[in-house]
Amino acid sequence: MRLTQDSTGSNVVRSYTSAEFRINDQRIANTVIVSADHITIEPDLIDIDGLSEALAARILAWQPDVVLLGTGMRQRFPAAAFGAAFLKAGVGFEVMDTGAACRTFNVLVSEQRRAVAVLLR
């Protein structure tokens, strides 16, 4: 799906398919963690079973207001400990399908919110 173009200078998900993401002009064929100013490719993170408290701690170091988890073509919930790490830190945590996570991330970034999206294919 192709998404709208943004001119804020922040990272924006331009399009996504089941095979890849396009963030700005970069094509990424793996799981990706993205904020307005960071992109981290996670080739070893294949599905929600790979989400860990250590990964949550790395994401929290980016000081987000909200973390979005895109779980692929359909919404699936991770182990409770992953989401609990954000809730304990007072950071919002939302789980949705990846398309919804991409769209929501773009809106939040356009509003200059400190959002981080973990996007699984």
C-alpha atoms as a PDB file:
ATOM      1  CA  MET A   1       0.000   0.000   0.000  1.00  0.00           C
ATOM      2  CA  ARG A   2       1.290   3.447  -0.905  1.00  0.00           C
ATOM      3  CA  LEU A   3       0.980   6.129   1.754  1.00  0.00           C
ATOM      4  CA  THR A   4       0.877   9.913   1.468  1.00  0.00           C
ATOM      5  CA  GLN A   5       4.024  11.994   1.231  1.00  0.00           C
ATOM      6  CA  ASP A   6       5.185  14.113   4.155  1.00  0.00           C
ATOM      7  CA  SER A   7       7.538  17.076   4.184  1.00  0.00           C
ATOM      8  CA  THR A   8       8.476  17.348   7.882  1.00  0.00           C
ATOM      9  CA  GLY A   9      12.009  16.007   7.414  1.00  0.00           C
ATOM     10  CA  SER A  10      11.243  13.111   9.764  1.00  0.00           C
ATOM     11  CA  ASN A  11      11.283   9.427   8.901  1.00  0.00           C
ATOM     12  CA  VAL A  12       8.039   8.492   7.184  1.00  0.00           C
ATOM     13  CA  VAL A  13       6.760   5.114   6.026  1.00  0.00           C
ATOM     14  CA  ARG A  14       6.150   5.754   2.326  1.00  0.00           C
ATOM     15  CA  SER A  15       4.791   2.280   1.515  1.00  0.00           C
ATOM     16  CA  TYR A  16       4.676  -1.263   2.771  1.00  0.00           C
ATOM     17  CA  THR A  17       3.938  -4.725   1.424  1.00  0.00           C
ATOM     18  CA  SER A  18       4.255  -8.205   2.892  1.00  0.00           C
ATOM     19  CA  ALA A  19       7.787  -8.236   1.403  1.00  0.00           C
ATOM     20  CA  GLU A  20       9.212  -4.828   2.337  1.00  0.00           C
ATOM     21  CA  PHE A  21       8.861  -1.377   3.842  1.00  0.00           C
ATOM     22  CA  ARG A  22       9.908   1.836   2.195  1.00  0.00           C
ATOM     23  CA  ILE A  23      10.910   4.402   4.774  1.00  0.00           C
ATOM     24  CA  ASN A  24      11.822   7.668   3.117  1.00  0.00           C
ATOM     25  CA  ASP A  25      13.689   6.344   0.056  1.00  0.00           C
ATOM     26  CA  GLN A  26      15.138   3.271   1.792  1.00  0.00           C
ATOM     27  CA  ARG A  27      13.719  -0.189   1.022  1.00  0.00           C
ATOM     28  CA  ILE A  28      13.819  -2.562   3.998  1.00  0.00           C
ATOM     29  CA  ALA A  29      12.989  -6.266   3.724  1.00  0.00           C
ATOM     30  CA  ASN A  30      13.246  -7.038   7.452  1.00  0.00           C
ATOM     31  CA  THR A  31      11.574  -6.070  10.671  1.00  0.00           C
ATOM     32  CA  VAL A  32      12.326  -2.436  11.373  1.00  0.00           C
ATOM     33  CA  ILE A  33      12.129  -0.146  14.386  1.00  0.00           C
ATOM     34  CA  VAL A  34      11.573   3.452  13.377  1.00  0.00           C
ATOM     35  CA  SER A  35      11.182   6.807  15.085  1.00  0.00           C
ATOM     36  CA  ALA A  36      11.200  10.305  13.632  1.00  0.00           C
ATOM     37  CA  ASP A  37      14.999  10.298  13.598  1.00  0.00           C
ATOM     38  CA  HIS A  38      16.126   6.658  14.002  1.00  0.00           C
ATOM     39  CA  ILE A  39      15.835   3.537  11.859  1.00  0.00           C
ATOM     40  CA  THR A  40      17.085   0.210  13.166  1.00  0.00           C
ATOM     41  CA  ILE A  41      16.812  -2.886  10.993  1.00  0.00           C
ATOM     42  CA  GLU A  42      16.241  -6.104  12.954  1.00  0.00           C
ATOM     43  CA  PRO A  43      16.945  -9.046  10.595  1.00  0.00           C
ATOM     44  CA  ASP A  44      16.776 -11.605  13.435  1.00  0.00           C
ATOM     45  CA  LEU A  45      13.372 -10.440  14.685  1.00  0.00           C
ATOM     46  CA  ILE A  46      10.950 -12.473  12.577  1.00  0.00           C
ATOM     47  CA  ASP A  47       7.761 -12.560  14.653  1.00  0.00           C
ATOM     48  CA  ILE A  48       6.321 -11.495  17.992  1.00  0.00           C
ATOM     49  CA  ASP A  49       7.899 -14.465  19.753  1.00  0.00           C
ATOM     50  CA  GLY A  50      11.257 -12.703  19.331  1.00  0.00           C
ATOM     51  CA  LEU A  51      10.173  -9.609  21.258  1.00  0.00           C
ATOM     52  CA  SER A  52      12.047  -9.355  24.547  1.00  0.00           C
ATOM     53  CA  GLU A  53      12.418  -7.120  27.566  1.00  0.00           C
ATOM     54  CA  ALA A  54      15.948  -6.323  26.343  1.00  0.00           C
ATOM     55  CA  LEU A  55      14.489  -5.009  23.077  1.00  0.00           C
ATOM     56  CA  ALA A  56      11.935  -2.975  25.036  1.00  0.00           C
ATOM     57  CA  ALA A  57      14.789  -1.432  27.040  1.00  0.00           C
ATOM     58  CA  ARG A  58      16.586  -0.471  23.803  1.00  0.00           C
ATOM     59  CA  ILE A  59      13.402   1.173  22.526  1.00  0.00           C
ATOM     60  CA  LEU A  60      12.853   2.998  25.828  1.00  0.00           C
ATOM     61  CA  ALA A  61      16.332   4.517  25.466  1.00  0.00           C
ATOM     62  CA  TRP A  62      14.877   6.512  22.531  1.00  0.00           C
ATOM     63  CA  GLN A  63      12.503   8.172  25.062  1.00  0.00           C
ATOM     64  CA  PRO A  64       9.229   7.647  23.165  1.00  0.00           C
ATOM     65  CA  ASP A  65       5.809   8.881  24.235  1.00  0.00           C
ATOM     66  CA  VAL A  66       4.164   5.932  22.522  1.00  0.00           C
ATOM     67  CA  VAL A  67       5.313   2.623  21.015  1.00  0.00           C
ATOM     68  CA  LEU A  68       3.338   1.031  18.197  1.00  0.00           C
ATOM     69  CA  LEU A  69       3.725  -2.655  17.446  1.00  0.00           C
ATOM     70  CA  GLY A  70       2.732  -3.720  13.941  1.00  0.00           C
ATOM     71  CA  THR A  71       2.346  -7.501  13.986  1.00  0.00           C
ATOM     72  CA  GLY A  72       2.011  -8.327  10.287  1.00  0.00           C
ATOM     73  CA  MET A  73      -1.119  -8.799   8.228  1.00  0.00           C
ATOM     74  CA  ARG A  74      -3.238  -9.333  11.331  1.00  0.00           C
ATOM     75  CA  GLN A  75      -3.142  -8.174  14.913  1.00  0.00           C
ATOM     76  CA  ARG A  76      -1.426 -10.572  17.329  1.00  0.00           C
ATOM     77  CA  PHE A  77      -0.468  -9.848  20.919  1.00  0.00           C
ATOM     78  CA  PRO A  78       3.062 -10.352  22.274  1.00  0.00           C
ATOM     79  CA  ALA A  79       3.995 -11.844  25.638  1.00  0.00           C
ATOM     80  CA  ALA A  80       2.750  -9.622  28.451  1.00  0.00           C
ATOM     81  CA  ALA A  81       6.266  -8.799  29.673  1.00  0.00           C
ATOM     82  CA  PHE A  82       7.089  -6.917  26.465  1.00  0.00           C
ATOM     83  CA  GLY A  83       4.179  -4.494  26.757  1.00  0.00           C
ATOM     84  CA  ALA A  84       4.521  -4.268  30.531  1.00  0.00           C
ATOM     85  CA  ALA A  85       8.001  -2.768  30.143  1.00  0.00           C
ATOM     86  CA  PHE A  86       6.471   0.257  28.388  1.00  0.00           C
ATOM     87  CA  LEU A  87       3.555   0.562  30.765  1.00  0.00           C
ATOM     88  CA  LYS A  88       5.937   0.509  33.771  1.00  0.00           C
ATOM     89  CA  ALA A  89       7.873   3.369  32.156  1.00  0.00           C
ATOM     90  CA  GLY A  90       4.698   5.385  31.578  1.00  0.00           C
ATOM     91  CA  VAL A  91       4.942   5.003  27.800  1.00  0.00           C
ATOM     92  CA  GLY A  92       1.860   4.254  25.731  1.00  0.00           C
ATOM     93  CA  PHE A  93       1.865   0.888  23.974  1.00  0.00           C
ATOM     94  CA  GLU A  94      -0.482  -0.121  21.161  1.00  0.00           C
ATOM     95  CA  VAL A  95      -0.665  -3.380  19.190  1.00  0.00           C
ATOM     96  CA  MET A  96      -2.181  -3.405  15.696  1.00  0.00           C
ATOM     97  CA  ASP A  97      -1.670  -4.896  12.264  1.00  0.00           C
ATOM     98  CA  THR A  98       1.343  -3.476  10.440  1.00  0.00           C
ATOM     99  CA  GLY A  99      -0.657  -1.371   7.990  1.00  0.00           C
ATOM    100  CA  ALA A 100      -2.438   0.405  10.814  1.00  0.00           C
ATOM    101  CA  ALA A 101       0.862   0.856  12.668  1.00  0.00           C
ATOM    102  CA  CYS A 102       2.464   2.471   9.596  1.00  0.00           C
ATOM    103  CA  ARG A 103      -0.428   4.888   9.140  1.00  0.00           C
ATOM    104  CA  THR A 104      -0.631   5.734  12.834  1.00  0.00           C
ATOM    105  CA  PHE A 105       3.140   6.268  13.037  1.00  0.00           C
ATOM    106  CA  ASN A 106       3.015   8.730  10.134  1.00  0.00           C
ATOM    107  CA  VAL A 107       0.210  10.713  11.764  1.00  0.00           C
ATOM    108  CA  LEU A 108       1.968  10.838  15.134  1.00  0.00           C
ATOM    109  CA  VAL A 109       5.267  11.913  13.566  1.00  0.00           C
ATOM    110  CA  SER A 110       3.479  14.633  11.567  1.00  0.00           C
ATOM    111  CA  GLU A 111       2.133  15.893  14.923  1.00  0.00           C
ATOM    112  CA  GLN A 112       5.732  15.876  16.243  1.00  0.00           C
ATOM    113  CA  ARG A 113       4.941  13.210  18.814  1.00  0.00           C
ATOM    114  CA  ARG A 114       7.810  11.013  20.003  1.00  0.00           C
ATOM    115  CA  ALA A 115       6.510   7.791  18.488  1.00  0.00           C
ATOM    116  CA  VAL A 116       8.397   4.569  17.825  1.00  0.00           C
ATOM    117  CA  ALA A 117       7.025   1.839  15.592  1.00  0.00           C
ATOM    118  CA  VAL A 118       8.179  -1.784  15.657  1.00  0.00           C
ATOM    119  CA  LEU A 119       7.080  -3.084  12.268  1.00  0.00           C
ATOM    120  CA  LEU A 120       6.951  -6.804  11.521  1.00  0.00           C
ATOM    121  CA  ARG A 121       6.186  -7.988   7.990  1.00  0.00           C
END
